[in-house]
Amino acid sequence: MALAAKAEQLGEVPCGAVLVLGEQIIAEGYNRCITDNDPTAHAEIQVLRQAGKVLDNYRLLDTTLYITLEPCPMCAGAIVHGRVGKVVFGAPDLKTGAAGTVMNLLDDPRLNHWPEVIGGVMQAECGEQLSAFFRRRRAEKKALKQAQRSGLGSESSNS
């Protein structure tokens, strides 16, 4: 959640992840899509890229990925390809969740790898972090629209 807060400070959707091998954190990341102008810069992808370099292997066998939000289809595919052993997530993603909420790529029998999946860990806390971000963002957009309307109204009354 601290990594998700870092994403939020950048104006990103607050999502953070760590990858653990045994007792050691080998990679950590958070959403950077807007910051990096990269639609693939999700927290999970950041972590998988770092871990591959740390382990000098694209196979991330026996690792556990902890993430604040259920992986999307892109990230679920990368998790399968990387052979992550276990995925533990906080909040379900009701729009694009690919670990059981909208679809379940991580347990699809047509694929060649199926990580263990544990969802709902600290669900309330992770969900509230995301909900608060989107509430704030909607309020900011509404305030901006109102300010723009007020600015336009005062200009037209001066003419």
Protein backbone atom coordinates (compact mmCIF):
# COMPACT_ATOMS: atom_id res chain seq x y z
CA MET A 1 0.00 0.00 0.00
CA ALA A 2 2.95 2.33 0.55
CA LEU A 3 4.02 1.72 -3.04
CA ALA A 4 0.46 2.41 -4.20
CA ALA A 5 0.67 5.73 -2.33
CA LYS A 6 3.80 6.57 -4.35
CA ALA A 7 1.83 6.00 -7.54
CA GLU A 8 -0.93 8.24 -6.25
CA GLN A 9 1.56 11.03 -5.50
CA LEU A 10 2.43 10.93 -9.21
CA GLY A 11 -1.24 11.19 -10.19
CA GLU A 12 -1.35 7.50 -11.09
CA VAL A 13 -3.99 4.97 -10.07
CA PRO A 14 -2.73 3.82 -6.65
CA CYS A 15 -1.54 0.29 -7.25
CA GLY A 16 1.61 -1.20 -5.80
CA ALA A 17 3.29 -4.59 -5.98
CA VAL A 18 6.19 -6.59 -4.58
CA LEU A 19 7.63 -9.92 -5.68
CA VAL A 20 9.05 -12.20 -3.02
CA LEU A 21 11.32 -15.22 -3.34
CA GLY A 22 11.50 -17.11 -0.07
CA GLU A 23 11.70 -14.42 2.59
CA GLN A 24 13.30 -11.79 0.37
CA ILE A 25 11.67 -9.00 -1.61
CA ILE A 26 13.39 -9.15 -5.01
CA ALA A 27 11.38 -6.44 -6.80
CA GLU A 28 8.86 -3.73 -6.11
CA GLY A 29 6.90 -1.33 -8.25
CA TYR A 30 3.86 0.85 -8.68
CA ASN A 31 1.79 2.18 -11.54
CA ARG A 32 3.69 4.55 -13.84
CA CYS A 33 1.56 4.55 -17.03
CA ILE A 34 0.95 8.31 -17.09
CA THR A 35 4.41 9.22 -15.80
CA ASP A 36 6.18 7.05 -18.37
CA ASN A 37 3.63 7.49 -21.19
CA ASP A 38 3.53 3.70 -21.29
CA PRO A 39 0.26 1.74 -21.20
CA THR A 40 2.17 -1.34 -20.02
CA ALA A 41 3.75 0.35 -16.99
CA HIS A 42 1.44 -1.32 -14.46
CA ALA A 43 2.84 -2.18 -11.03
CA GLU A 44 2.99 -5.90 -11.87
CA ILE A 45 4.89 -5.31 -15.11
CA GLN A 46 7.38 -3.07 -13.30
CA VAL A 47 7.97 -5.85 -10.78
CA LEU A 48 8.26 -8.65 -13.32
CA ARG A 49 10.81 -6.68 -15.36
CA GLN A 50 12.94 -5.92 -12.29
CA ALA A 51 12.74 -9.49 -11.01
CA GLY A 52 13.87 -10.92 -14.34
CA LYS A 53 17.00 -8.79 -14.14
CA VAL A 54 17.62 -9.61 -10.47
CA LEU A 55 17.25 -13.36 -11.06
CA ASP A 56 18.86 -13.22 -14.51
CA ASN A 57 15.94 -15.30 -15.75
CA TYR A 58 12.56 -14.57 -17.24
CA ARG A 59 11.11 -17.55 -15.37
CA LEU A 60 10.16 -16.37 -11.92
CA LEU A 61 9.61 -19.81 -10.43
CA ASP A 62 8.68 -20.16 -6.75
CA THR A 63 7.96 -16.44 -6.38
CA THR A 64 4.94 -14.76 -4.81
CA LEU A 65 3.49 -11.54 -6.21
CA TYR A 66 1.68 -9.31 -3.73
CA ILE A 67 -0.43 -6.56 -5.31
CA THR A 68 -3.03 -4.13 -4.03
CA LEU A 69 -5.40 -4.60 -7.00
CA GLU A 70 -6.43 -7.70 -8.93
CA PRO A 71 -4.33 -8.07 -12.08
CA CYS A 72 -5.76 -7.02 -15.45
CA PRO A 73 -5.60 -9.34 -18.49
CA MET A 74 -2.25 -7.91 -19.65
CA CYS A 75 -0.65 -8.43 -16.25
CA ALA A 76 -2.26 -11.85 -15.78
CA GLY A 77 -0.74 -12.92 -19.11
CA ALA A 78 2.69 -11.69 -18.03
CA ILE A 79 2.31 -13.51 -14.69
CA VAL A 80 1.53 -16.76 -16.52
CA HIS A 81 4.43 -16.31 -18.97
CA GLY A 82 6.80 -15.52 -16.10
CA ARG A 83 5.68 -18.62 -14.19
CA VAL A 84 5.00 -16.72 -10.96
CA GLY A 85 4.09 -19.31 -8.33
CA LYS A 86 1.52 -17.42 -6.30
CA VAL A 87 -0.48 -14.21 -6.66
CA VAL A 88 -1.92 -12.46 -3.61
CA PHE A 89 -4.09 -9.41 -4.24
CA GLY A 90 -6.12 -6.99 -2.18
CA ALA A 91 -9.05 -5.36 -3.96
CA PRO A 92 -10.96 -7.03 -6.78
CA ASP A 93 -11.11 -5.09 -10.06
CA LEU A 94 -14.77 -5.06 -11.08
CA LYS A 95 -14.00 -3.72 -14.56
CA THR A 96 -10.89 -5.56 -15.74
CA GLY A 97 -10.02 -8.15 -13.10
CA ALA A 98 -8.46 -11.24 -14.67
CA ALA A 99 -7.95 -13.34 -11.54
CA GLY A 100 -11.57 -14.34 -11.04
CA THR A 101 -13.66 -11.19 -10.96
CA VAL A 102 -14.38 -10.44 -14.64
CA MET A 103 -12.43 -13.36 -16.11
CA ASN A 104 -9.92 -15.85 -14.80
CA LEU A 105 -6.79 -16.06 -16.92
CA LEU A 106 -4.74 -17.25 -13.96
CA ASP A 107 -6.77 -20.47 -13.73
CA ASP A 108 -7.59 -21.03 -17.39
CA PRO A 109 -7.09 -24.72 -18.23
CA ARG A 110 -6.10 -23.81 -21.80
CA LEU A 111 -2.92 -22.10 -20.56
CA ASN A 112 0.27 -23.88 -19.52
CA HIS A 113 0.76 -22.39 -16.04
CA TRP A 114 -1.61 -21.74 -13.16
CA PRO A 115 -0.31 -19.78 -10.19
CA GLU A 116 -2.00 -20.19 -6.85
CA VAL A 117 -4.29 -17.18 -6.34
CA ILE A 118 -5.39 -15.66 -3.05
CA GLY A 119 -7.66 -12.63 -3.36
CA GLY A 120 -9.18 -10.24 -0.86
CA VAL A 121 -6.14 -9.84 1.42
CA MET A 122 -6.60 -6.44 3.10
CA GLN A 123 -9.45 -5.92 0.63
CA ALA A 124 -11.15 -3.15 2.61
CA GLU A 125 -7.95 -1.13 3.02
CA CYS A 126 -6.81 -1.57 -0.59
CA GLY A 127 -10.31 -0.87 -1.87
CA GLU A 128 -10.61 2.30 0.19
CA GLN A 129 -7.25 3.57 -1.05
CA LEU A 130 -8.51 3.19 -4.63
CA SER A 131 -12.00 4.55 -3.90
CA ALA A 132 -10.61 7.63 -2.16
CA PHE A 133 -8.36 8.31 -5.16
CA PHE A 134 -11.23 8.12 -7.64
CA ARG A 135 -13.53 10.22 -5.38
CA ARG A 136 -10.84 12.89 -5.21
CA ARG A 137 -10.26 12.73 -8.96
CA ARG A 138 -13.99 13.12 -9.74
CA ALA A 139 -14.24 16.05 -7.33
CA GLU A 140 -11.21 17.72 -8.95
CA LYS A 141 -12.68 17.30 -12.44
CA LYS A 142 -16.03 18.69 -11.27
CA ALA A 143 -14.34 21.70 -9.65
CA LEU A 144 -12.34 22.34 -12.83
CA LYS A 145 -15.51 22.28 -14.96
CA GLN A 146 -17.24 24.66 -12.57
CA ALA A 147 -14.25 27.00 -12.61
CA GLN A 148 -14.22 26.94 -16.41
CA ARG A 149 -17.93 27.71 -16.53
CA SER A 150 -17.51 30.54 -14.05
CA GLY A 151 -14.62 31.96 -16.09
CA LEU A 152 -16.64 31.81 -19.31
CA GLY A 153 -19.66 33.41 -17.66
CA SER A 154 -17.69 36.37 -16.33
CA GLU A 155 -16.02 36.95 -19.71
CA SER A 156 -19.32 37.08 -21.57
CA SER A 157 -20.84 39.46 -19.03
CA ASN A 158 -17.92 41.89 -19.54
CA SER A 159 -18.62 42.27 -23.27
